[in-house]
């Protein structure tokens, strides 16, 4: 999924994105970057990041 799609479907994940340094959530890149793409650009462990996103979604 693209970052923008995730944020639209699961707005509760925005806090996790911010904690991991995704401070430009509304930027053009979020429309075409996947979670993996963004994690690589930001030097983030993709598996750990996805687990945190899933936790945020499950709390809803």
PDB file of N, CA and C in Angstrom:
ATOM      1  N   UNK A   1       0.839  -1.194   0.000  1.00  0.00           N
ATOM      2  CA  UNK A   1       0.000   0.000   0.000  1.00  0.00           C
ATOM      3  C   UNK A   1       0.878   1.250   0.000  1.00  0.00           C
ATOM      4  N   UNK A   2       0.353   2.265  -0.604  1.00  0.00           N
ATOM      5  CA  UNK A   2       1.043   3.548  -0.589  1.00  0.00           C
ATOM      6  C   UNK A   2       0.802   4.226   0.761  1.00  0.00           C
ATOM      7  N   UNK A   3       1.726   5.069   1.166  1.00  0.00           N
ATOM      8  CA  UNK A   3       1.633   5.742   2.458  1.00  0.00           C
ATOM      9  C   UNK A   3       0.332   6.532   2.560  1.00  0.00           C
ATOM     10  N   UNK A   4      -0.016   7.270   1.539  1.00  0.00           N
ATOM     11  CA  UNK A   4      -1.245   8.073   1.556  1.00  0.00           C
ATOM     12  C   UNK A   4      -2.481   7.189   1.723  1.00  0.00           C
ATOM     13  N   UNK A   5      -2.496   6.031   1.086  1.00  0.00           N
ATOM     14  CA  UNK A   5      -3.629   5.098   1.218  1.00  0.00           C
ATOM     15  C   UNK A   5      -3.775   4.615   2.660  1.00  0.00           C
ATOM     16  N   UNK A   6      -2.649   4.325   3.284  1.00  0.00           N
ATOM     17  CA  UNK A   6      -2.662   3.861   4.669  1.00  0.00           C
ATOM     18  C   UNK A   6      -3.208   4.939   5.577  1.00  0.00           C
ATOM     19  N   UNK A   7      -2.728   6.166   5.384  1.00  0.00           N
ATOM     20  CA  UNK A   7      -3.177   7.274   6.228  1.00  0.00           C
ATOM     21  C   UNK A   7      -4.662   7.558   6.048  1.00  0.00           C
ATOM     22  N   UNK A   8      -5.157   7.432   4.844  1.00  0.00           N
ATOM     23  CA  UNK A   8      -6.581   7.657   4.611  1.00  0.00           C
ATOM     24  C   UNK A   8      -7.428   6.557   5.243  1.00  0.00           C
ATOM     25  N   UNK A   9      -7.005   5.332   5.101  1.00  0.00           N
ATOM     26  CA  UNK A   9      -7.767   4.198   5.621  1.00  0.00           C
ATOM     27  C   UNK A   9      -7.594   4.039   7.130  1.00  0.00           C
ATOM     28  N   UNK A  10      -6.392   4.336   7.627  1.00  0.00           N
ATOM     29  CA  UNK A  10      -6.068   4.165   9.041  1.00  0.00           C
ATOM     30  C   UNK A  10      -5.412   5.433   9.596  1.00  0.00           C
ATOM     31  N   UNK A  11      -6.175   6.491   9.816  1.00  0.00           N
ATOM     32  CA  UNK A  11      -5.587   7.754  10.290  1.00  0.00           C
ATOM     33  C   UNK A  11      -4.863   7.631  11.625  1.00  0.00           C
ATOM     34  N   UNK A  12      -5.201   6.604  12.387  1.00  0.00           N
ATOM     35  CA  UNK A  12      -4.539   6.398  13.675  1.00  0.00           C
ATOM     36  C   UNK A  12      -3.053   6.058  13.518  1.00  0.00           C
ATOM     37  N   UNK A  13      -2.616   5.751  12.307  1.00  0.00           N
ATOM     38  CA  UNK A  13      -1.197   5.447  12.081  1.00  0.00           C
ATOM     39  C   UNK A  13      -0.334   6.696  11.938  1.00  0.00           C
ATOM     40  N   UNK A  14      -0.948   7.851  11.788  1.00  0.00           N
ATOM     41  CA  UNK A  14      -0.183   9.086  11.582  1.00  0.00           C
ATOM     42  C   UNK A  14       0.843   9.319  12.689  1.00  0.00           C
ATOM     43  N   UNK A  15       0.450   9.042  13.917  1.00  0.00           N
ATOM     44  CA  UNK A  15       1.362   9.234  15.049  1.00  0.00           C
ATOM     45  C   UNK A  15       2.605   8.349  14.910  1.00  0.00           C
ATOM     46  N   UNK A  16       2.413   7.122  14.453  1.00  0.00           N
ATOM     47  CA  UNK A  16       3.544   6.202  14.278  1.00  0.00           C
ATOM     48  C   UNK A  16       4.455   6.714  13.168  1.00  0.00           C
ATOM     49  N   UNK A  17       3.869   7.146  12.060  1.00  0.00           N
ATOM     50  CA  UNK A  17       4.685   7.712  10.982  1.00  0.00           C
ATOM     51  C   UNK A  17       5.533   8.875  11.508  1.00  0.00           C
ATOM     52  N   UNK A  18       4.930   9.746  12.302  1.00  0.00           N
ATOM     53  CA  UNK A  18       5.657  10.899  12.842  1.00  0.00           C
ATOM     54  C   UNK A  18       6.778  10.454  13.786  1.00  0.00           C
ATOM     55  N   UNK A  19       6.497   9.467  14.631  1.00  0.00           N
ATOM     56  CA  UNK A  19       7.515   8.965  15.563  1.00  0.00           C
ATOM     57  C   UNK A  19       8.725   8.407  14.823  1.00  0.00           C
ATOM     58  N   UNK A  20       8.501   7.864  13.642  1.00  0.00           N
ATOM     59  CA  UNK A  20       9.584   7.273  12.857  1.00  0.00           C
ATOM     60  C   UNK A  20      10.211   8.251  11.873  1.00  0.00           C
ATOM     61  N   UNK A  21       9.855   9.520  11.966  1.00  0.00           N
ATOM     62  CA  UNK A  21      10.515  10.536  11.155  1.00  0.00           C
ATOM     63  C   UNK A  21       9.858  10.867   9.832  1.00  0.00           C
ATOM     64  N   UNK A  22       8.653  10.376   9.613  1.00  0.00           N
ATOM     65  CA  UNK A  22       7.912  10.716   8.392  1.00  0.00           C
ATOM     66  C   UNK A  22       7.170  12.034   8.638  1.00  0.00           C
ATOM     67  N   UNK A  23       7.913  13.131   8.613  1.00  0.00           N
ATOM     68  CA  UNK A  23       7.323  14.428   8.946  1.00  0.00           C
ATOM     69  C   UNK A  23       6.653  15.097   7.754  1.00  0.00           C
ATOM     70  N   UNK A  24       6.728  14.503   6.608  1.00  0.00           N
ATOM     71  CA  UNK A  24       6.126  15.107   5.412  1.00  0.00           C
ATOM     72  C   UNK A  24       4.999  14.213   4.897  1.00  0.00           C
ATOM     73  N   UNK A  25       4.068  13.866   5.782  1.00  0.00           N
ATOM     74  CA  UNK A  25       3.015  12.925   5.422  1.00  0.00           C
ATOM     75  C   UNK A  25       2.143  13.412   4.275  1.00  0.00           C
ATOM     76  N   UNK A  26       2.018  14.688   4.105  1.00  0.00           N
ATOM     77  CA  UNK A  26       1.191  15.217   3.024  1.00  0.00           C
ATOM     78  C   UNK A  26       1.970  15.520   1.763  1.00  0.00           C
ATOM     79  N   UNK A  27       3.246  15.188   1.736  1.00  0.00           N
ATOM     80  CA  UNK A  27       4.060  15.516   0.561  1.00  0.00           C
ATOM     81  C   UNK A  27       3.708  14.619  -0.625  1.00  0.00           C
ATOM     82  N   UNK A  28       4.118  15.010  -1.781  1.00  0.00           N
ATOM     83  CA  UNK A  28       3.794  14.278  -3.006  1.00  0.00           C
ATOM     84  C   UNK A  28       4.313  12.843  -2.974  1.00  0.00           C
ATOM     85  N   UNK A  29       5.428  12.611  -2.332  1.00  0.00           N
ATOM     86  CA  UNK A  29       6.010  11.268  -2.294  1.00  0.00           C
ATOM     87  C   UNK A  29       5.082  10.273  -1.614  1.00  0.00           C
ATOM     88  N   UNK A  30       4.278  10.725  -0.661  1.00  0.00           N
ATOM     89  CA  UNK A  30       3.394   9.804   0.052  1.00  0.00           C
ATOM     90  C   UNK A  30       2.312   9.231  -0.865  1.00  0.00           C
ATOM     91  N   UNK A  31       2.098   9.865  -1.998  1.00  0.00           N
ATOM     92  CA  UNK A  31       1.107   9.376  -2.954  1.00  0.00           C
ATOM     93  C   UNK A  31       1.605   8.190  -3.761  1.00  0.00           C
ATOM     94  N   UNK A  32       2.925   8.039  -3.878  1.00  0.00           N
ATOM     95  CA  UNK A  32       3.446   6.946  -4.687  1.00  0.00           C
ATOM     96  C   UNK A  32       4.450   6.058  -3.970  1.00  0.00           C
ATOM     97  N   UNK A  33       4.879   6.428  -2.761  1.00  0.00           N
ATOM     98  CA  UNK A  33       5.822   5.598  -2.012  1.00  0.00           C
ATOM     99  C   UNK A  33       5.085   4.567  -1.165  1.00  0.00           C
ATOM    100  N   UNK A  34       5.599   3.361  -1.183  1.00  0.00           N
ATOM    101  CA  UNK A  34       5.058   2.322  -0.308  1.00  0.00           C
ATOM    102  C   UNK A  34       5.692   2.469   1.074  1.00  0.00           C
ATOM    103  N   UNK A  35       5.201   1.691   2.014  1.00  0.00           N
ATOM    104  CA  UNK A  35       5.804   1.694   3.350  1.00  0.00           C
ATOM    105  C   UNK A  35       7.280   1.332   3.238  1.00  0.00           C
ATOM    106  N   UNK A  36       7.567   0.315   2.453  1.00  0.00           N
ATOM    107  CA  UNK A  36       8.952  -0.129   2.306  1.00  0.00           C
ATOM    108  C   UNK A  36       9.813   0.965   1.682  1.00  0.00           C
ATOM    109  N   UNK A  37       9.319   1.615   0.641  1.00  0.00           N
ATOM    110  CA  UNK A  37      10.070   2.707  -0.001  1.00  0.00           C
ATOM    111  C   UNK A  37      10.408   3.794   1.012  1.00  0.00           C
ATOM    112  N   UNK A  38       9.396   4.222   1.752  1.00  0.00           N
ATOM    113  CA  UNK A  38       9.598   5.282   2.739  1.00  0.00           C
ATOM    114  C   UNK A  38      10.544   4.869   3.844  1.00  0.00           C
ATOM    115  N   UNK A  39      10.416   3.624   4.300  1.00  0.00           N
ATOM    116  CA  UNK A  39      11.295   3.139   5.366  1.00  0.00           C
ATOM    117  C   UNK A  39      12.743   3.121   4.906  1.00  0.00           C
ATOM    118  N   UNK A  40      12.977   2.682   3.693  1.00  0.00           N
ATOM    119  CA  UNK A  40      14.346   2.647   3.162  1.00  0.00           C
ATOM    120  C   UNK A  40      14.918   4.058   3.088  1.00  0.00           C
ATOM    121  N   UNK A  41      14.138   5.000   2.586  1.00  0.00           N
ATOM    122  CA  UNK A  41      14.599   6.389   2.464  1.00  0.00           C
ATOM    123  C   UNK A  41      14.944   6.971   3.831  1.00  0.00           C
ATOM    124  N   UNK A  42      14.157   6.603   4.841  1.00  0.00           N
ATOM    125  CA  UNK A  42      14.359   7.151   6.179  1.00  0.00           C
ATOM    126  C   UNK A  42      15.267   6.278   7.047  1.00  0.00           C
ATOM    127  N   UNK A  43      15.809   5.199   6.493  1.00  0.00           N
ATOM    128  CA  UNK A  43      16.729   4.343   7.235  1.00  0.00           C
ATOM    129  C   UNK A  43      16.061   3.583   8.371  1.00  0.00           C
ATOM    130  N   UNK A  44      14.841   3.128   8.133  1.00  0.00           N
ATOM    131  CA  UNK A  44      14.043   2.479   9.171  1.00  0.00           C
ATOM    132  C   UNK A  44      13.951   0.976   8.897  1.00  0.00           C
ATOM    133  N   UNK A  45      13.963   0.185   9.967  1.00  0.00           N
ATOM    134  CA  UNK A  45      13.748  -1.255   9.876  1.00  0.00           C
ATOM    135  C   UNK A  45      12.285  -1.478   9.483  1.00  0.00           C
ATOM    136  N   UNK A  46      12.064  -1.974   8.287  1.00  0.00           N
ATOM    137  CA  UNK A  46      10.712  -2.110   7.730  1.00  0.00           C
ATOM    138  C   UNK A  46       9.843  -3.023   8.590  1.00  0.00           C
ATOM    139  N   UNK A  47      10.360  -4.157   8.999  1.00  0.00           N
ATOM    140  CA  UNK A  47       9.564  -5.110   9.774  1.00  0.00           C
ATOM    141  C   UNK A  47       9.111  -4.512  11.107  1.00  0.00           C
ATOM    142  N   UNK A  48      10.004  -3.850  11.791  1.00  0.00           N
ATOM    143  CA  UNK A  48       9.670  -3.222  13.073  1.00  0.00           C
ATOM    144  C   UNK A  48       8.622  -2.127  12.863  1.00  0.00           C
ATOM    145  N   UNK A  49       8.806  -1.333  11.817  1.00  0.00           N
ATOM    146  CA  UNK A  49       7.889  -0.244  11.515  1.00  0.00           C
ATOM    147  C   UNK A  49       6.485  -0.780  11.214  1.00  0.00           C
ATOM    148  N   UNK A  50       6.390  -1.820  10.407  1.00  0.00           N
ATOM    149  CA  UNK A  50       5.092  -2.409  10.053  1.00  0.00           C
ATOM    150  C   UNK A  50       4.414  -2.982  11.299  1.00  0.00           C
ATOM    151  N   UNK A  51       5.185  -3.581  12.191  1.00  0.00           N
ATOM    152  CA  UNK A  51       4.609  -4.102  13.433  1.00  0.00           C
ATOM    153  C   UNK A  51       3.985  -2.976  14.248  1.00  0.00           C
ATOM    154  N   UNK A  52       4.659  -1.851  14.316  1.00  0.00           N
ATOM    155  CA  UNK A  52       4.139  -0.696  15.061  1.00  0.00           C
ATOM    156  C   UNK A  52       2.875  -0.145  14.407  1.00  0.00           C
ATOM    157  N   UNK A  53       2.867  -0.089  13.083  1.00  0.00           N
ATOM    158  CA  UNK A  53       1.668   0.366  12.378  1.00  0.00           C
ATOM    159  C   UNK A  53       0.499  -0.574  12.661  1.00  0.00           C
ATOM    160  N   UNK A  54       0.752  -1.861  12.611  1.00  0.00           N
ATOM    161  CA  UNK A  54      -0.293  -2.848  12.863  1.00  0.00           C
ATOM    162  C   UNK A  54      -0.826  -2.737  14.290  1.00  0.00           C
ATOM    163  N   UNK A  55       0.049  -2.481  15.250  1.00  0.00           N
ATOM    164  CA  UNK A  55      -0.391  -2.300  16.648  1.00  0.00           C
ATOM    165  C   UNK A  55      -1.345  -1.117  16.757  1.00  0.00           C
ATOM    166  N   UNK A  56      -1.011  -0.027  16.078  1.00  0.00           N
ATOM    167  CA  UNK A  56      -1.856   1.169  16.107  1.00  0.00           C
ATOM    168  C   UNK A  56      -3.229   0.878  15.504  1.00  0.00           C
ATOM    169  N   UNK A  57      -3.239   0.100  14.431  1.00  0.00           N
ATOM    170  CA  UNK A  57      -4.496  -0.247  13.764  1.00  0.00           C
ATOM    171  C   UNK A  57      -5.329  -1.169  14.650  1.00  0.00           C
ATOM    172  N   UNK A  58      -4.677  -2.106  15.319  1.00  0.00           N
ATOM    173  CA  UNK A  58      -5.385  -3.064  16.155  1.00  0.00           C
ATOM    174  C   UNK A  58      -6.024  -2.400  17.376  1.00  0.00           C
ATOM    175  N   UNK A  59      -5.435  -1.309  17.864  1.00  0.00           N
ATOM    176  CA  UNK A  59      -5.973  -0.593  19.029  1.00  0.00           C
ATOM    177  C   UNK A  59      -7.313   0.060  18.713  1.00  0.00           C
ATOM    178  N   UNK A  60      -7.559   0.318  17.458  1.00  0.00           N
ATOM    179  CA  UNK A  60      -8.762   1.040  17.040  1.00  0.00           C
ATOM    180  C   UNK A  60     -10.012   0.288  17.386  1.00  0.00           C
TER     181      UNK A  60
END
